[in-house]
């Protein structure tokens, strides 16, 4: 059981699952970080109000600042690590497919070259027609 204090009244949170970690959505994280940035609020106070370790809020705030800085530096959109991993996996799969197709093209070129070498033999002139009955 966790007990947290809010501005209005104490809040009691009963944890009934065996889950070791709570999961927060991006919206929840952003809301908590924005709450920390309000005048008169501190990270430690917001963490106590919501039953979160202050280090977790500091971590989220630092990650957000790093991402924002990186986005400004490269003047581009920042993607999540999960999305980057997925894109790398897709690139690896496409490179594998490209390798297979390149190999097929080489095999077909060799087959075509062999067919062109044999072609003159197939097109020898026909023997003269025998007009005798």
N, C-alpha and C. Protein backbone atom coordinates (compact mmCIF):
# COMPACT_ATOMS: atom_id res chain seq x y z
N UNK A 1 0.85 -1.17 0.00
CA UNK A 1 0.00 0.00 0.00
C UNK A 1 0.90 1.23 0.00
N UNK A 2 0.56 2.18 -0.85
CA UNK A 2 1.29 3.43 -0.91
C UNK A 2 0.37 4.54 -0.43
N UNK A 3 0.94 5.47 0.29
CA UNK A 3 0.15 6.62 0.70
C UNK A 3 0.84 7.86 0.15
N UNK A 4 0.12 8.65 -0.59
CA UNK A 4 0.69 9.87 -1.15
C UNK A 4 -0.17 11.05 -0.73
N UNK A 5 0.46 12.19 -0.67
CA UNK A 5 -0.24 13.40 -0.26
C UNK A 5 -0.53 14.24 -1.49
N UNK A 6 -1.69 14.76 -1.59
CA UNK A 6 -2.01 15.71 -2.65
C UNK A 6 -2.38 17.03 -2.00
N UNK A 7 -2.61 18.03 -2.80
CA UNK A 7 -2.93 19.35 -2.27
C UNK A 7 -4.25 19.33 -1.50
N UNK A 8 -5.21 18.54 -1.95
CA UNK A 8 -6.54 18.54 -1.35
C UNK A 8 -6.65 17.56 -0.18
N UNK A 9 -6.26 16.34 -0.40
CA UNK A 9 -6.41 15.33 0.65
C UNK A 9 -5.41 14.21 0.43
N UNK A 10 -5.16 13.43 1.49
CA UNK A 10 -4.25 12.29 1.31
C UNK A 10 -4.87 11.29 0.34
N UNK A 11 -4.01 10.67 -0.43
CA UNK A 11 -4.47 9.71 -1.43
C UNK A 11 -3.84 8.37 -1.08
N UNK A 12 -4.65 7.33 -1.05
CA UNK A 12 -4.14 6.00 -0.76
C UNK A 12 -4.28 5.18 -2.03
N UNK A 13 -3.19 4.54 -2.42
CA UNK A 13 -3.18 3.70 -3.62
C UNK A 13 -2.95 2.27 -3.17
N UNK A 14 -3.88 1.39 -3.46
CA UNK A 14 -3.76 -0.01 -3.10
C UNK A 14 -3.27 -0.77 -4.32
N UNK A 15 -2.11 -1.40 -4.20
CA UNK A 15 -1.53 -2.16 -5.29
C UNK A 15 -1.93 -3.61 -5.09
N UNK A 16 -2.73 -4.13 -6.02
CA UNK A 16 -3.23 -5.49 -5.88
C UNK A 16 -2.55 -6.48 -6.81
N UNK A 17 -1.80 -5.97 -7.78
CA UNK A 17 -1.16 -6.87 -8.74
C UNK A 17 0.24 -7.23 -8.26
N UNK A 18 0.83 -8.20 -8.93
CA UNK A 18 2.17 -8.63 -8.60
C UNK A 18 3.19 -7.91 -9.47
N UNK A 19 2.71 -6.98 -10.26
CA UNK A 19 3.57 -6.25 -11.18
C UNK A 19 4.62 -5.48 -10.40
N UNK A 20 5.86 -5.59 -10.81
CA UNK A 20 6.95 -4.94 -10.08
C UNK A 20 7.08 -3.47 -10.42
N UNK A 21 6.75 -3.11 -11.63
CA UNK A 21 6.93 -1.72 -12.05
C UNK A 21 5.62 -1.16 -12.57
N UNK A 22 5.40 0.09 -12.26
CA UNK A 22 4.24 0.77 -12.84
C UNK A 22 4.66 1.31 -14.20
N UNK A 23 3.74 1.32 -15.12
CA UNK A 23 3.99 1.83 -16.46
C UNK A 23 3.28 3.17 -16.60
N UNK A 24 3.97 4.12 -17.20
CA UNK A 24 3.40 5.44 -17.43
C UNK A 24 3.36 5.72 -18.93
N UNK A 25 2.27 6.30 -19.36
CA UNK A 25 2.17 6.69 -20.77
C UNK A 25 3.01 7.95 -20.99
N UNK A 26 3.26 8.24 -22.24
CA UNK A 26 4.02 9.44 -22.58
C UNK A 26 3.28 10.68 -22.07
N UNK A 27 1.96 10.67 -22.21
CA UNK A 27 1.17 11.81 -21.76
C UNK A 27 1.30 12.01 -20.25
N UNK A 28 1.28 10.91 -19.48
CA UNK A 28 1.43 11.01 -18.03
C UNK A 28 2.81 11.58 -17.67
N UNK A 29 3.84 11.09 -18.34
CA UNK A 29 5.18 11.58 -18.07
C UNK A 29 5.30 13.07 -18.37
N UNK A 30 4.77 13.48 -19.52
CA UNK A 30 4.83 14.89 -19.90
C UNK A 30 4.06 15.76 -18.91
N UNK A 31 2.90 15.28 -18.47
CA UNK A 31 2.10 16.03 -17.51
C UNK A 31 2.87 16.22 -16.20
N UNK A 32 3.53 15.15 -15.72
CA UNK A 32 4.30 15.25 -14.48
C UNK A 32 5.49 16.18 -14.63
N UNK A 33 6.16 16.12 -15.78
CA UNK A 33 7.31 17.01 -16.02
C UNK A 33 6.85 18.46 -16.09
N UNK A 34 5.72 18.69 -16.77
CA UNK A 34 5.18 20.05 -16.84
C UNK A 34 4.79 20.55 -15.46
N UNK A 35 4.27 19.66 -14.63
CA UNK A 35 3.89 20.02 -13.27
C UNK A 35 5.13 20.43 -12.47
N UNK A 36 6.24 19.76 -12.71
CA UNK A 36 7.50 20.10 -12.02
C UNK A 36 7.99 21.49 -12.42
N UNK A 37 7.68 21.90 -13.64
CA UNK A 37 8.17 23.18 -14.16
C UNK A 37 7.30 24.37 -13.76
N UNK A 38 6.17 24.12 -13.11
CA UNK A 38 5.30 25.22 -12.68
C UNK A 38 5.99 26.03 -11.57
N UNK A 39 5.70 27.31 -11.50
CA UNK A 39 6.29 28.12 -10.44
C UNK A 39 5.91 27.61 -9.05
N UNK A 40 6.88 27.54 -8.18
CA UNK A 40 6.65 27.11 -6.80
C UNK A 40 6.65 25.60 -6.61
N UNK A 41 6.78 24.83 -7.69
CA UNK A 41 6.77 23.37 -7.59
C UNK A 41 8.20 22.86 -7.71
N UNK A 42 8.48 21.77 -7.04
CA UNK A 42 9.79 21.15 -7.16
C UNK A 42 9.60 19.70 -7.59
N UNK A 43 10.64 19.12 -8.12
CA UNK A 43 10.59 17.73 -8.56
C UNK A 43 10.28 16.83 -7.37
N UNK A 44 10.92 17.09 -6.25
CA UNK A 44 10.71 16.25 -5.07
C UNK A 44 9.26 16.33 -4.58
N UNK A 45 8.70 17.53 -4.59
CA UNK A 45 7.32 17.69 -4.12
C UNK A 45 6.34 16.97 -5.05
N UNK A 46 6.52 17.14 -6.36
CA UNK A 46 5.64 16.47 -7.33
C UNK A 46 5.79 14.95 -7.20
N UNK A 47 7.01 14.49 -7.00
CA UNK A 47 7.24 13.05 -6.85
C UNK A 47 6.51 12.53 -5.61
N UNK A 48 6.58 13.25 -4.50
CA UNK A 48 5.88 12.83 -3.27
C UNK A 48 4.37 12.83 -3.49
N UNK A 49 3.86 13.85 -4.18
CA UNK A 49 2.42 13.95 -4.43
C UNK A 49 1.90 12.75 -5.22
N UNK A 50 2.71 12.26 -6.14
CA UNK A 50 2.24 11.19 -7.04
C UNK A 50 2.83 9.82 -6.71
N UNK A 51 3.60 9.74 -5.63
CA UNK A 51 4.15 8.45 -5.23
C UNK A 51 5.20 7.91 -6.17
N UNK A 52 6.01 8.80 -6.71
CA UNK A 52 7.06 8.43 -7.65
C UNK A 52 8.39 8.79 -7.03
N UNK A 53 9.40 8.03 -7.32
CA UNK A 53 10.74 8.36 -6.85
C UNK A 53 11.21 9.63 -7.57
N UNK A 54 11.77 10.59 -6.82
CA UNK A 54 12.25 11.82 -7.46
C UNK A 54 13.26 11.55 -8.57
N UNK A 55 14.08 10.52 -8.38
CA UNK A 55 15.08 10.20 -9.41
C UNK A 55 14.42 9.84 -10.74
N UNK A 56 13.22 9.23 -10.67
CA UNK A 56 12.49 8.88 -11.89
C UNK A 56 12.07 10.14 -12.64
N UNK A 57 11.55 11.12 -11.91
CA UNK A 57 11.16 12.38 -12.54
C UNK A 57 12.37 13.11 -13.10
N UNK A 58 13.48 13.12 -12.36
CA UNK A 58 14.70 13.76 -12.86
C UNK A 58 15.16 13.07 -14.15
N UNK A 59 15.06 11.75 -14.16
CA UNK A 59 15.46 10.96 -15.34
C UNK A 59 14.59 11.33 -16.54
N UNK A 60 13.26 11.37 -16.36
CA UNK A 60 12.36 11.72 -17.46
C UNK A 60 12.64 13.13 -17.95
N UNK A 61 12.87 14.05 -17.02
CA UNK A 61 13.11 15.44 -17.39
C UNK A 61 14.41 15.57 -18.18
N UNK A 62 15.45 14.84 -17.75
CA UNK A 62 16.74 14.88 -18.45
C UNK A 62 16.60 14.28 -19.85
N UNK A 63 15.90 13.14 -19.97
CA UNK A 63 15.71 12.50 -21.28
C UNK A 63 14.95 13.42 -22.22
N UNK A 64 13.95 14.11 -21.69
CA UNK A 64 13.17 15.02 -22.53
C UNK A 64 14.05 16.18 -22.99
N UNK A 65 14.87 16.71 -22.10
CA UNK A 65 15.75 17.82 -22.47
C UNK A 65 16.78 17.37 -23.51
N UNK A 66 17.34 16.18 -23.34
CA UNK A 66 18.32 15.66 -24.30
C UNK A 66 17.69 15.47 -25.67
N UNK A 67 16.49 14.93 -25.70
CA UNK A 67 15.80 14.73 -26.97
C UNK A 67 15.49 16.04 -27.64
N UNK A 68 15.07 17.01 -26.87
CA UNK A 68 14.76 18.33 -27.44
C UNK A 68 16.01 18.98 -27.98
N UNK A 69 17.11 18.88 -27.23
CA UNK A 69 18.38 19.46 -27.68
C UNK A 69 18.83 18.81 -28.97
N UNK A 70 18.72 17.50 -29.03
CA UNK A 70 19.15 16.76 -30.23
C UNK A 70 18.28 17.16 -31.42
N UNK A 71 16.98 17.31 -31.20
CA UNK A 71 16.08 17.70 -32.29
C UNK A 71 16.46 19.08 -32.81
N UNK A 72 16.81 20.00 -31.92
CA UNK A 72 17.20 21.34 -32.34
C UNK A 72 18.54 21.29 -33.07
N UNK A 73 19.46 20.48 -32.57
CA UNK A 73 20.80 20.41 -33.16
C UNK A 73 20.73 19.92 -34.60
N UNK A 74 20.00 18.86 -34.86
CA UNK A 74 19.94 18.29 -36.21
C UNK A 74 18.80 18.89 -37.03
N UNK A 75 18.01 19.75 -36.40
CA UNK A 75 16.86 20.37 -37.06
C UNK A 75 15.97 19.31 -37.70
N UNK A 76 15.69 18.28 -36.92
CA UNK A 76 14.89 17.17 -37.42
C UNK A 76 14.08 16.58 -36.28
N UNK A 77 13.22 15.65 -36.62
CA UNK A 77 12.37 14.97 -35.65
C UNK A 77 13.18 13.89 -34.93
N UNK A 78 13.00 13.75 -33.64
CA UNK A 78 13.69 12.72 -32.85
C UNK A 78 12.78 11.51 -32.77
N UNK A 79 13.35 10.31 -33.01
CA UNK A 79 12.57 9.08 -32.95
C UNK A 79 12.98 8.30 -31.71
N UNK A 80 12.09 7.47 -31.23
CA UNK A 80 12.37 6.68 -30.04
C UNK A 80 13.37 5.57 -30.37
N UNK A 81 13.99 5.04 -29.33
CA UNK A 81 14.96 3.95 -29.51
C UNK A 81 14.27 2.72 -30.09
N UNK A 82 13.05 2.45 -29.66
CA UNK A 82 12.30 1.31 -30.19
C UNK A 82 12.02 1.45 -31.68
N UNK A 83 11.65 2.66 -32.07
CA UNK A 83 11.39 2.90 -33.49
C UNK A 83 12.68 2.78 -34.30
N UNK A 84 13.79 3.26 -33.74
CA UNK A 84 15.08 3.15 -34.42
C UNK A 84 15.47 1.68 -34.59
N UNK A 85 15.25 0.86 -33.55
CA UNK A 85 15.56 -0.57 -33.64
C UNK A 85 14.71 -1.23 -34.72
N UNK A 86 13.43 -0.88 -34.78
CA UNK A 86 12.53 -1.44 -35.79
C UNK A 86 12.98 -1.05 -37.19
N UNK A 87 13.38 0.20 -37.36
CA UNK A 87 13.85 0.66 -38.67
C UNK A 87 15.15 -0.05 -39.06
N UNK A 88 16.05 -0.26 -38.11
CA UNK A 88 17.30 -0.99 -38.40
C UNK A 88 17.01 -2.43 -38.79
N UNK A 89 16.02 -3.06 -38.11
CA UNK A 89 15.65 -4.44 -38.45
C UNK A 89 15.09 -4.49 -39.87
N UNK A 90 14.28 -3.50 -40.20
CA UNK A 90 13.69 -3.45 -41.54
C UNK A 90 14.77 -3.24 -42.60
N UNK A 91 15.74 -2.39 -42.32
CA UNK A 91 16.85 -2.17 -43.26
C UNK A 91 17.63 -3.46 -43.46
N UNK A 92 17.89 -4.18 -42.36
CA UNK A 92 18.62 -5.45 -42.44
C UNK A 92 17.86 -6.45 -43.32
N UNK A 93 16.52 -6.53 -43.12
CA UNK A 93 15.70 -7.44 -43.93
C UNK A 93 15.73 -7.04 -45.41
N UNK A 94 15.62 -5.74 -45.68
CA UNK A 94 15.64 -5.28 -47.07
C UNK A 94 17.00 -5.52 -47.71
N UNK A 95 18.09 -5.36 -46.95
CA UNK A 95 19.42 -5.64 -47.49
C UNK A 95 19.56 -7.12 -47.82
N UNK A 96 18.99 -7.98 -46.98
CA UNK A 96 19.03 -9.43 -47.23
C UNK A 96 18.27 -9.75 -48.52
N UNK A 97 17.09 -9.15 -48.69
CA UNK A 97 16.29 -9.38 -49.90
C UNK A 97 17.04 -8.86 -51.13
N UNK A 98 17.66 -7.68 -51.00
CA UNK A 98 18.43 -7.11 -52.10
C UNK A 98 19.58 -8.04 -52.49
N UNK A 99 20.24 -8.64 -51.50
CA UNK A 99 21.31 -9.59 -51.78
C UNK A 99 20.82 -10.78 -52.57
N UNK A 100 19.66 -11.32 -52.19
CA UNK A 100 19.08 -12.46 -52.91
C UNK A 100 18.74 -12.07 -54.35
N UNK A 101 18.14 -10.90 -54.52
CA UNK A 101 17.78 -10.46 -55.87
C UNK A 101 19.02 -10.21 -56.73
N UNK A 102 20.06 -9.67 -56.14
CA UNK A 102 21.31 -9.46 -56.87
C UNK A 102 21.88 -10.79 -57.33
N UNK A 103 21.81 -11.78 -56.46
CA UNK A 103 22.31 -13.11 -56.82
C UNK A 103 21.48 -13.71 -57.95
N UNK A 104 20.16 -13.55 -57.91
CA UNK A 104 19.29 -14.04 -58.97
C UNK A 104 19.63 -13.37 -60.30
N UNK A 105 19.89 -12.06 -60.28
CA UNK A 105 20.24 -11.34 -61.50
C UNK A 105 21.54 -11.88 -62.08
N UNK A 106 22.52 -12.14 -61.23
CA UNK A 106 23.80 -12.70 -61.71
C UNK A 106 23.60 -14.07 -62.33
N UNK A 107 22.78 -14.90 -61.72
CA UNK A 107 22.50 -16.24 -62.26
C UNK A 107 21.81 -16.12 -63.61
N UNK A 108 20.84 -15.21 -63.72
CA UNK A 108 20.14 -15.02 -64.99
C UNK A 108 21.06 -14.47 -66.08
N UNK A 109 21.99 -13.59 -65.72
CA UNK A 109 22.96 -13.08 -66.70
C UNK A 109 23.84 -14.20 -67.23
N UNK A 110 24.30 -15.06 -66.32
CA UNK A 110 25.13 -16.20 -66.75
C UNK A 110 24.33 -17.13 -67.65
N UNK A 111 23.08 -17.38 -67.31
CA UNK A 111 22.24 -18.25 -68.12
C UNK A 111 22.00 -17.63 -69.50
N UNK A 112 21.80 -16.34 -69.54
CA UNK A 112 21.59 -15.64 -70.81
C UNK A 112 22.85 -15.70 -71.67
N UNK A 113 24.01 -15.52 -71.04
CA UNK A 113 25.27 -15.59 -71.78
C UNK A 113 25.46 -16.99 -72.36
N UNK A 114 25.15 -18.02 -71.58
CA UNK A 114 25.26 -19.39 -72.08
C UNK A 114 24.27 -19.63 -73.22
N UNK A 115 23.08 -19.10 -73.11
CA UNK A 115 22.07 -19.29 -74.16
C UNK A 115 22.50 -18.60 -75.44
N UNK A 116 23.14 -17.45 -75.35
CA UNK A 116 23.57 -16.73 -76.54
C UNK A 116 24.72 -17.44 -77.23
N UNK A 117 25.56 -18.12 -76.48
CA UNK A 117 26.67 -18.88 -77.08
C UNK A 117 26.11 -20.07 -77.83
N UNK A 118 25.10 -20.74 -77.31
CA UNK A 118 24.53 -21.91 -77.96
C UNK A 118 23.59 -21.55 -79.10
N UNK A 119 23.11 -20.34 -79.17
CA UNK A 119 22.12 -19.94 -80.15
C UNK A 119 22.58 -20.16 -81.60
N UNK A 120 23.80 -19.81 -81.99
CA UNK A 120 24.19 -20.04 -83.39
C UNK A 120 24.12 -21.51 -83.78
N UNK A 121 24.35 -22.43 -82.88
CA UNK A 121 24.30 -23.85 -83.20
C UNK A 121 22.86 -24.24 -83.54
N UNK A 122 21.92 -23.67 -82.82
CA UNK A 122 20.52 -24.01 -83.06
C UNK A 122 20.03 -23.46 -84.39
N UNK A 123 20.64 -22.44 -84.87
CA UNK A 123 20.14 -21.78 -86.07
C UNK A 123 20.98 -22.12 -87.31
N UNK A 124 21.53 -23.31 -87.36
CA UNK A 124 22.24 -23.74 -88.56
C UNK A 124 21.25 -23.83 -89.71
N UNK A 125 21.72 -23.58 -90.91
CA UNK A 125 20.78 -23.65 -92.04
C UNK A 125 20.24 -25.07 -92.19
N UNK A 126 19.00 -25.14 -92.61
CA UNK A 126 18.36 -26.44 -92.82
C UNK A 126 18.97 -27.10 -94.06
N UNK A 127 18.99 -28.42 -94.05
CA UNK A 127 19.50 -29.09 -95.25
C UNK A 127 18.56 -28.82 -96.44
N UNK A 128 19.11 -28.82 -97.65
CA UNK A 128 18.28 -28.52 -98.82
C UNK A 128 17.14 -29.55 -98.95
N UNK A 129 16.03 -29.05 -99.39
CA UNK A 129 14.86 -29.92 -99.56
C UNK A 129 15.09 -30.82 -100.75
N UNK A 130 14.76 -32.05 -100.59
CA UNK A 130 14.92 -33.04 -101.66
C UNK A 130 13.61 -33.09 -102.43
N UNK A 131 13.67 -32.72 -103.72
CA UNK A 131 12.46 -32.65 -104.54
C UNK A 131 12.15 -33.98 -105.24
N UNK A 132 12.87 -35.01 -104.98
CA UNK A 132 12.62 -36.27 -105.66
C UNK A 132 11.43 -36.98 -105.03
N UNK A 133 10.58 -37.64 -105.92
CA UNK A 133 9.37 -38.31 -105.42
C UNK A 133 9.64 -39.60 -104.75
